[in-house]
């Protein structure tokens, strides 16, 4: 019996170790946020996993690689949403964002929100389902650290967590 209980506790611990809590809060009002027209949204969807993206900028190549590891075939339709109170900062690419959740990459077909927030001027990242379930992982493509790596690795394209510009 002790072994059974120990095995159950170990399984529970491992299951919870696979997910980490998002460092940025779920924006419950996300559906009322401002939809932004960007280079990415003008395409309508991220290229499929079998697409030749070698001529795209490196950040787009990496984006396709990351999101294809989330959903084979590719993530599909996308949207970029910003909290209405920071729309001017987003358009200006000022890098000055209020604390809290501020921007969302909405993978519409997957019903997933990649949320960029800020705390004391520094970006923080989380991944949620549309209904608010935190699916931020401890590692892999849904991990906050994966977001941080891309958002800081392409500084010519990303500024204080904001990748892309208003079109």
C-alpha atoms as a PDB file:
ATOM      1  CA  UNK A   1       0.000   0.000   0.000  1.00  0.00           C
ATOM      2  CA  UNK A   2       2.854   2.389   0.857  1.00  0.00           C
ATOM      3  CA  UNK A   3       4.378   1.777  -2.575  1.00  0.00           C
ATOM      4  CA  UNK A   4       1.079   2.513  -4.254  1.00  0.00           C
ATOM      5  CA  UNK A   5       0.692   5.807  -2.385  1.00  0.00           C
ATOM      6  CA  UNK A   6       4.312   6.729  -3.079  1.00  0.00           C
ATOM      7  CA  UNK A   7       3.820   5.942  -6.784  1.00  0.00           C
ATOM      8  CA  UNK A   8       0.654   8.070  -6.893  1.00  0.00           C
ATOM      9  CA  UNK A   9       2.375  10.996  -5.190  1.00  0.00           C
ATOM     10  CA  UNK A  10       5.351  10.718  -7.550  1.00  0.00           C
ATOM     11  CA  UNK A  11       3.044  10.681 -10.577  1.00  0.00           C
ATOM     12  CA  UNK A  12       1.185  13.718  -9.254  1.00  0.00           C
ATOM     13  CA  UNK A  13       4.452  15.585  -8.665  1.00  0.00           C
ATOM     14  CA  UNK A  14       5.720  14.768 -12.167  1.00  0.00           C
ATOM     15  CA  UNK A  15       2.452  15.819 -13.772  1.00  0.00           C
ATOM     16  CA  UNK A  16       2.586  19.190 -12.056  1.00  0.00           C
ATOM     17  CA  UNK A  17       6.290  19.655 -12.817  1.00  0.00           C
ATOM     18  CA  UNK A  18       5.442  19.642 -16.543  1.00  0.00           C
ATOM     19  CA  UNK A  19       3.538  22.913 -16.166  1.00  0.00           C
ATOM     20  CA  UNK A  20       4.719  26.151 -14.659  1.00  0.00           C
ATOM     21  CA  UNK A  21       2.539  29.000 -13.567  1.00  0.00           C
ATOM     22  CA  UNK A  22       2.524  31.959 -15.919  1.00  0.00           C
ATOM     23  CA  UNK A  23       4.405  35.000 -14.609  1.00  0.00           C
ATOM     24  CA  UNK A  24       1.821  37.263 -16.265  1.00  0.00           C
ATOM     25  CA  UNK A  25      -1.906  37.193 -15.496  1.00  0.00           C
ATOM     26  CA  UNK A  26      -4.621  35.946 -17.843  1.00  0.00           C
ATOM     27  CA  UNK A  27      -6.407  38.961 -19.336  1.00  0.00           C
ATOM     28  CA  UNK A  28     -10.049  38.008 -18.717  1.00  0.00           C
ATOM     29  CA  UNK A  29     -11.218  40.909 -20.899  1.00  0.00           C
ATOM     30  CA  UNK A  30      -9.001  39.926 -23.849  1.00  0.00           C
ATOM     31  CA  UNK A  31     -11.919  39.737 -26.291  1.00  0.00           C
ATOM     32  CA  UNK A  32     -12.444  43.493 -25.917  1.00  0.00           C
ATOM     33  CA  UNK A  33      -8.801  44.320 -26.691  1.00  0.00           C
ATOM     34  CA  UNK A  34      -7.765  46.229 -29.801  1.00  0.00           C
ATOM     35  CA  UNK A  35      -6.973  44.100 -32.834  1.00  0.00           C
ATOM     36  CA  UNK A  36      -3.817  45.352 -34.518  1.00  0.00           C
ATOM     37  CA  UNK A  37      -2.997  45.118 -38.194  1.00  0.00           C
ATOM     38  CA  UNK A  38       0.613  43.926 -38.452  1.00  0.00           C
ATOM     39  CA  UNK A  39       2.777  42.334 -41.110  1.00  0.00           C
ATOM     40  CA  UNK A  40       1.982  38.974 -39.524  1.00  0.00           C
ATOM     41  CA  UNK A  41      -1.782  39.496 -39.361  1.00  0.00           C
ATOM     42  CA  UNK A  42      -1.888  40.789 -42.939  1.00  0.00           C
ATOM     43  CA  UNK A  43      -0.678  37.334 -44.003  1.00  0.00           C
ATOM     44  CA  UNK A  44      -3.634  35.923 -42.051  1.00  0.00           C
ATOM     45  CA  UNK A  45      -1.889  32.796 -40.806  1.00  0.00           C
ATOM     46  CA  UNK A  46       1.561  31.522 -40.012  1.00  0.00           C
ATOM     47  CA  UNK A  47       2.996  29.409 -42.836  1.00  0.00           C
ATOM     48  CA  UNK A  48       2.415  25.670 -42.558  1.00  0.00           C
ATOM     49  CA  UNK A  49       5.176  23.443 -41.263  1.00  0.00           C
ATOM     50  CA  UNK A  50       6.068  22.180 -44.726  1.00  0.00           C
ATOM     51  CA  UNK A  51       6.380  25.696 -46.201  1.00  0.00           C
ATOM     52  CA  UNK A  52       9.766  26.914 -47.386  1.00  0.00           C
ATOM     53  CA  UNK A  53      10.427  29.829 -45.034  1.00  0.00           C
ATOM     54  CA  UNK A  54      14.151  30.116 -45.815  1.00  0.00           C
ATOM     55  CA  UNK A  55      13.707  33.505 -47.501  1.00  0.00           C
ATOM     56  CA  UNK A  56      11.794  34.985 -44.551  1.00  0.00           C
ATOM     57  CA  UNK A  57      13.586  36.941 -41.808  1.00  0.00           C
ATOM     58  CA  UNK A  58      15.167  34.669 -39.157  1.00  0.00           C
ATOM     59  CA  UNK A  59      12.574  35.560 -36.525  1.00  0.00           C
ATOM     60  CA  UNK A  60       9.760  34.319 -38.796  1.00  0.00           C
ATOM     61  CA  UNK A  61      11.689  31.124 -39.482  1.00  0.00           C
ATOM     62  CA  UNK A  62      12.082  30.532 -35.739  1.00  0.00           C
ATOM     63  CA  UNK A  63       8.440  31.415 -35.103  1.00  0.00           C
ATOM     64  CA  UNK A  64       7.253  28.824 -37.614  1.00  0.00           C
ATOM     65  CA  UNK A  65       9.633  26.249 -36.104  1.00  0.00           C
ATOM     66  CA  UNK A  66       8.409  26.911 -32.545  1.00  0.00           C
ATOM     67  CA  UNK A  67       4.697  26.936 -33.360  1.00  0.00           C
ATOM     68  CA  UNK A  68       4.971  23.865 -35.585  1.00  0.00           C
ATOM     69  CA  UNK A  69       6.269  22.009 -32.551  1.00  0.00           C
ATOM     70  CA  UNK A  70       3.048  23.053 -30.773  1.00  0.00           C
ATOM     71  CA  UNK A  71       0.733  21.871 -33.557  1.00  0.00           C
ATOM     72  CA  UNK A  72       1.888  19.655 -36.407  1.00  0.00           C
ATOM     73  CA  UNK A  73       0.871  21.218 -39.702  1.00  0.00           C
ATOM     74  CA  UNK A  74       1.146  24.704 -38.270  1.00  0.00           C
ATOM     75  CA  UNK A  75      -0.876  26.877 -35.949  1.00  0.00           C
ATOM     76  CA  UNK A  76      -3.104  28.476 -38.594  1.00  0.00           C
ATOM     77  CA  UNK A  77      -4.850  31.827 -38.279  1.00  0.00           C
ATOM     78  CA  UNK A  78      -3.365  34.496 -36.035  1.00  0.00           C
ATOM     79  CA  UNK A  79      -4.382  37.761 -34.477  1.00  0.00           C
ATOM     80  CA  UNK A  80      -2.463  40.401 -32.538  1.00  0.00           C
ATOM     81  CA  UNK A  81      -4.351  42.097 -29.730  1.00  0.00           C
ATOM     82  CA  UNK A  82      -3.257  44.894 -27.429  1.00  0.00           C
ATOM     83  CA  UNK A  83      -4.825  46.256 -24.289  1.00  0.00           C
ATOM     84  CA  UNK A  84      -6.685  49.388 -25.428  1.00  0.00           C
ATOM     85  CA  UNK A  85      -4.830  51.589 -22.936  1.00  0.00           C
ATOM     86  CA  UNK A  86      -1.429  50.757 -24.485  1.00  0.00           C
ATOM     87  CA  UNK A  87      -2.327  50.994 -28.193  1.00  0.00           C
ATOM     88  CA  UNK A  88      -0.357  54.264 -28.575  1.00  0.00           C
ATOM     89  CA  UNK A  89       2.725  52.758 -26.908  1.00  0.00           C
ATOM     90  CA  UNK A  90       2.438  49.694 -29.150  1.00  0.00           C
ATOM     91  CA  UNK A  91       2.205  51.815 -32.303  1.00  0.00           C
ATOM     92  CA  UNK A  92       5.141  53.969 -31.183  1.00  0.00           C
ATOM     93  CA  UNK A  93       7.282  50.938 -30.190  1.00  0.00           C
ATOM     94  CA  UNK A  94       8.264  52.978 -27.151  1.00  0.00           C
ATOM     95  CA  UNK A  95       9.068  49.944 -25.018  1.00  0.00           C
ATOM     96  CA  UNK A  96       7.230  51.615 -22.156  1.00  0.00           C
ATOM     97  CA  UNK A  97       4.372  49.438 -21.015  1.00  0.00           C
ATOM     98  CA  UNK A  98       2.337  49.463 -17.820  1.00  0.00           C
ATOM     99  CA  UNK A  99       2.584  46.506 -15.459  1.00  0.00           C
ATOM    100  CA  UNK A 100       0.197  43.668 -16.289  1.00  0.00           C
ATOM    101  CA  UNK A 101      -0.782  41.811 -19.443  1.00  0.00           C
ATOM    102  CA  UNK A 102      -0.460  44.052 -22.503  1.00  0.00           C
ATOM    103  CA  UNK A 103      -0.212  42.119 -25.779  1.00  0.00           C
ATOM    104  CA  UNK A 104      -1.504  38.840 -27.171  1.00  0.00           C
ATOM    105  CA  UNK A 105      -0.594  36.660 -30.114  1.00  0.00           C
ATOM    106  CA  UNK A 106      -3.860  34.790 -30.626  1.00  0.00           C
ATOM    107  CA  UNK A 107      -3.501  31.451 -32.401  1.00  0.00           C
ATOM    108  CA  UNK A 108      -7.141  31.356 -33.455  1.00  0.00           C
ATOM    109  CA  UNK A 109      -7.366  27.825 -34.833  1.00  0.00           C
ATOM    110  CA  UNK A 110      -5.676  26.446 -31.727  1.00  0.00           C
ATOM    111  CA  UNK A 111      -7.678  28.697 -29.364  1.00  0.00           C
ATOM    112  CA  UNK A 112      -4.461  29.652 -27.579  1.00  0.00           C
ATOM    113  CA  UNK A 113      -3.249  33.039 -26.324  1.00  0.00           C
ATOM    114  CA  UNK A 114       0.461  33.826 -26.063  1.00  0.00           C
ATOM    115  CA  UNK A 115       0.389  36.740 -23.621  1.00  0.00           C
ATOM    116  CA  UNK A 116       3.115  39.321 -23.137  1.00  0.00           C
ATOM    117  CA  UNK A 117       2.929  41.256 -19.910  1.00  0.00           C
ATOM    118  CA  UNK A 118       5.262  43.552 -18.043  1.00  0.00           C
ATOM    119  CA  UNK A 119       6.434  43.932 -14.481  1.00  0.00           C
ATOM    120  CA  UNK A 120       8.638  46.869 -13.504  1.00  0.00           C
ATOM    121  CA  UNK A 121       9.341  47.500 -17.187  1.00  0.00           C
ATOM    122  CA  UNK A 122      10.498  43.948 -17.940  1.00  0.00           C
ATOM    123  CA  UNK A 123       8.515  41.599 -20.180  1.00  0.00           C
ATOM    124  CA  UNK A 124       6.990  38.370 -18.884  1.00  0.00           C
ATOM    125  CA  UNK A 125       5.276  35.689 -20.938  1.00  0.00           C
ATOM    126  CA  UNK A 126       2.434  33.252 -20.412  1.00  0.00           C
ATOM    127  CA  UNK A 127       0.364  30.834 -22.459  1.00  0.00           C
ATOM    128  CA  UNK A 128      -3.365  30.357 -21.918  1.00  0.00           C
ATOM    129  CA  UNK A 129      -6.377  28.764 -23.541  1.00  0.00           C
ATOM    130  CA  UNK A 130      -9.094  31.191 -24.616  1.00  0.00           C
ATOM    131  CA  UNK A 131     -11.084  30.337 -21.485  1.00  0.00           C
ATOM    132  CA  UNK A 132      -8.173  31.193 -19.185  1.00  0.00           C
ATOM    133  CA  UNK A 133      -6.526  27.871 -18.404  1.00  0.00           C
ATOM    134  CA  UNK A 134      -2.829  28.490 -17.789  1.00  0.00           C
ATOM    135  CA  UNK A 135      -0.919  26.092 -20.056  1.00  0.00           C
ATOM    136  CA  UNK A 136       2.473  27.713 -19.606  1.00  0.00           C
ATOM    137  CA  UNK A 137       4.903  24.808 -19.533  1.00  0.00           C
ATOM    138  CA  UNK A 138       8.091  24.329 -17.543  1.00  0.00           C
ATOM    139  CA  UNK A 139       9.989  23.621 -20.776  1.00  0.00           C
ATOM    140  CA  UNK A 140       9.444  23.291 -24.509  1.00  0.00           C
ATOM    141  CA  UNK A 141       7.524  25.505 -26.940  1.00  0.00           C
ATOM    142  CA  UNK A 142       4.898  26.587 -24.371  1.00  0.00           C
ATOM    143  CA  UNK A 143       7.455  27.684 -21.755  1.00  0.00           C
ATOM    144  CA  UNK A 144       7.956  31.311 -20.733  1.00  0.00           C
ATOM    145  CA  UNK A 145      11.681  30.826 -21.283  1.00  0.00           C
ATOM    146  CA  UNK A 146      11.081  29.862 -24.933  1.00  0.00           C
ATOM    147  CA  UNK A 147       9.217  33.152 -25.414  1.00  0.00           C
ATOM    148  CA  UNK A 148      11.999  35.056 -23.654  1.00  0.00           C
ATOM    149  CA  UNK A 149      14.654  33.437 -25.865  1.00  0.00           C
ATOM    150  CA  UNK A 150      12.940  34.546 -29.082  1.00  0.00           C
ATOM    151  CA  UNK A 151      11.845  37.952 -27.864  1.00  0.00           C
ATOM    152  CA  UNK A 152      15.365  38.803 -26.682  1.00  0.00           C
ATOM    153  CA  UNK A 153      17.263  36.945 -29.408  1.00  0.00           C
ATOM    154  CA  UNK A 154      15.906  39.112 -32.197  1.00  0.00           C
ATOM    155  CA  UNK A 155      16.461  42.566 -30.758  1.00  0.00           C
ATOM    156  CA  UNK A 156      16.417  44.222 -34.161  1.00  0.00           C
ATOM    157  CA  UNK A 157      12.813  43.058 -34.432  1.00  0.00           C
ATOM    158  CA  UNK A 158      11.688  42.930 -30.788  1.00  0.00           C
ATOM    159  CA  UNK A 159      11.686  45.734 -28.243  1.00  0.00           C
ATOM    160  CA  UNK A 160      10.883  45.135 -24.544  1.00  0.00           C
ATOM    161  CA  UNK A 161       8.717  42.129 -25.389  1.00  0.00           C
ATOM    162  CA  UNK A 162       7.028  43.612 -28.460  1.00  0.00           C
ATOM    163  CA  UNK A 163       7.857  41.764 -31.646  1.00  0.00           C
ATOM    164  CA  UNK A 164       6.406  43.329 -34.742  1.00  0.00           C
ATOM    165  CA  UNK A 165       4.958  46.703 -35.489  1.00  0.00           C
ATOM    166  CA  UNK A 166       1.612  48.197 -36.312  1.00  0.00           C
ATOM    167  CA  UNK A 167       1.114  48.250 -40.050  1.00  0.00           C
END
